[in-house]
Amino acid sequence: MFALGNVQMAQNEELRRKGRHEDAKAKMDEAYETHLQTLKLYRATLGETHDKVGDALHKLASHMQIRLDYDGAL
């Protein structure tokens, strides 16, 4: 699922380049939800200290930065 979220982020960029800003925003929201679900699955299956949990947290912080939600990124 982590890779799927990354693909959705790449699709967001392509849509943005084509000027389809509303579709791009929807795709980015979808990517955020995919990465959030990934984090939940990683925590449930791998535990809180696994490095993949850290990867998912880092990706979600990137989403927060893009949204200018700096408090959420912390």
C-alpha atoms as a PDB file:
ATOM      1  CA  MET A   1       0.000   0.000   0.000  1.00  0.00           C
ATOM      2  CA  PHE A   2       2.925   2.323   0.663  1.00  0.00           C
ATOM      3  CA  ALA A   3       3.960   2.064  -3.003  1.00  0.00           C
ATOM      4  CA  LEU A   4       0.360   2.660  -4.115  1.00  0.00           C
ATOM      5  CA  GLY A   5       0.316   5.932  -2.185  1.00  0.00           C
ATOM      6  CA  ASN A   6       3.536   6.946  -3.921  1.00  0.00           C
ATOM      7  CA  VAL A   7       1.984   6.154  -7.318  1.00  0.00           C
ATOM      8  CA  GLN A   8      -1.026   8.286  -6.398  1.00  0.00           C
ATOM      9  CA  MET A   9       1.321  11.146  -5.517  1.00  0.00           C
ATOM     10  CA  ALA A  10       3.002  10.810  -8.914  1.00  0.00           C
ATOM     11  CA  GLN A  11      -0.420  10.843 -10.585  1.00  0.00           C
ATOM     12  CA  ASN A  12      -1.149  14.047  -8.670  1.00  0.00           C
ATOM     13  CA  GLU A  13       1.928  15.661 -10.215  1.00  0.00           C
ATOM     14  CA  GLU A  14       0.927  14.567 -13.725  1.00  0.00           C
ATOM     15  CA  LEU A  15      -2.596  15.923 -13.281  1.00  0.00           C
ATOM     16  CA  ARG A  16      -1.194  19.202 -11.959  1.00  0.00           C
ATOM     17  CA  ARG A  17       1.110  19.516 -14.991  1.00  0.00           C
ATOM     18  CA  LYS A  18      -1.924  19.054 -17.233  1.00  0.00           C
ATOM     19  CA  GLY A  19      -3.745  21.863 -15.413  1.00  0.00           C
ATOM     20  CA  ARG A  20      -6.321  19.552 -13.847  1.00  0.00           C
ATOM     21  CA  HIS A  21      -5.946  21.047 -10.382  1.00  0.00           C
ATOM     22  CA  GLU A  22      -9.184  19.742  -8.857  1.00  0.00           C
ATOM     23  CA  ASP A  23      -8.408  16.200  -9.986  1.00  0.00           C
ATOM     24  CA  ALA A  24      -4.845  16.605  -8.708  1.00  0.00           C
ATOM     25  CA  LYS A  25      -6.078  17.666  -5.266  1.00  0.00           C
ATOM     26  CA  ALA A  26      -8.453  14.695  -5.129  1.00  0.00           C
ATOM     27  CA  LYS A  27      -5.603  12.345  -6.080  1.00  0.00           C
ATOM     28  CA  MET A  28      -3.374  13.843  -3.379  1.00  0.00           C
ATOM     29  CA  ASP A  29      -6.140  13.386  -0.811  1.00  0.00           C
ATOM     30  CA  GLU A  30      -6.428   9.773  -1.939  1.00  0.00           C
ATOM     31  CA  ALA A  31      -2.665   9.323  -1.548  1.00  0.00           C
ATOM     32  CA  TYR A  32      -2.831  10.753   1.978  1.00  0.00           C
ATOM     33  CA  GLU A  33      -5.567   8.297   2.931  1.00  0.00           C
ATOM     34  CA  THR A  34      -3.594   5.411   1.424  1.00  0.00           C
ATOM     35  CA  HIS A  35      -0.477   6.366   3.376  1.00  0.00           C
ATOM     36  CA  LEU A  36      -2.526   6.796   6.556  1.00  0.00           C
ATOM     37  CA  GLN A  37      -4.017   3.314   6.104  1.00  0.00           C
ATOM     38  CA  THR A  38      -0.507   1.984   5.477  1.00  0.00           C
ATOM     39  CA  LEU A  39       0.646   3.433   8.794  1.00  0.00           C
ATOM     40  CA  LYS A  40      -2.251   1.785  10.616  1.00  0.00           C
ATOM     41  CA  LEU A  41      -1.480  -1.577   9.012  1.00  0.00           C
ATOM     42  CA  TYR A  42       2.247  -1.311   9.735  1.00  0.00           C
ATOM     43  CA  ARG A  43       1.599  -0.444  13.371  1.00  0.00           C
ATOM     44  CA  ALA A  44      -0.839  -3.338  13.774  1.00  0.00           C
ATOM     45  CA  THR A  45       1.378  -5.927  12.106  1.00  0.00           C
ATOM     46  CA  LEU A  46       4.959  -4.758  12.674  1.00  0.00           C
ATOM     47  CA  GLY A  47       4.807  -2.837  15.942  1.00  0.00           C
ATOM     48  CA  GLU A  48       5.626   0.723  16.833  1.00  0.00           C
ATOM     49  CA  THR A  49       9.418   0.451  16.559  1.00  0.00           C
ATOM     50  CA  HIS A  50       9.734  -1.077  13.069  1.00  0.00           C
ATOM     51  CA  ASP A  51      11.560   1.031  10.495  1.00  0.00           C
ATOM     52  CA  LYS A  52       8.645   0.811   8.046  1.00  0.00           C
ATOM     53  CA  VAL A  53       6.471   2.585  10.627  1.00  0.00           C
ATOM     54  CA  GLY A  54       9.042   5.375  10.580  1.00  0.00           C
ATOM     55  CA  ASP A  55       8.894   5.474   6.779  1.00  0.00           C
ATOM     56  CA  ALA A  56       5.115   5.822   6.872  1.00  0.00           C
ATOM     57  CA  LEU A  57       5.308   8.560   9.518  1.00  0.00           C
ATOM     58  CA  HIS A  58       7.842  10.416   7.403  1.00  0.00           C
ATOM     59  CA  LYS A  59       5.584  10.162   4.341  1.00  0.00           C
ATOM     60  CA  LEU A  60       2.605  11.491   6.304  1.00  0.00           C
ATOM     61  CA  ALA A  61       4.762  14.381   7.540  1.00  0.00           C
ATOM     62  CA  SER A  62       5.533  15.124   3.881  1.00  0.00           C
ATOM     63  CA  HIS A  63       1.803  15.267   3.177  1.00  0.00           C
ATOM     64  CA  MET A  64       1.379  17.679   6.090  1.00  0.00           C
ATOM     65  CA  GLN A  65       4.193  19.863   4.774  1.00  0.00           C
ATOM     66  CA  ILE A  66       2.548  20.007   1.340  1.00  0.00           C
ATOM     67  CA  ARG A  67      -0.702  21.037   3.057  1.00  0.00           C
ATOM     68  CA  LEU A  68       1.233  23.672   5.050  1.00  0.00           C
ATOM     69  CA  ASP A  69       0.096  21.931   8.254  1.00  0.00           C
ATOM     70  CA  TYR A  70       3.410  22.260  10.056  1.00  0.00           C
ATOM     71  CA  ASP A  71       1.956  21.500  13.479  1.00  0.00           C
ATOM     72  CA  GLY A  72       0.484  18.266  12.111  1.00  0.00           C
ATOM     73  CA  ALA A  73       3.835  17.340  10.610  1.00  0.00           C
ATOM     74  CA  LEU A  74       5.451  17.423  14.034  1.00  0.00           C
END
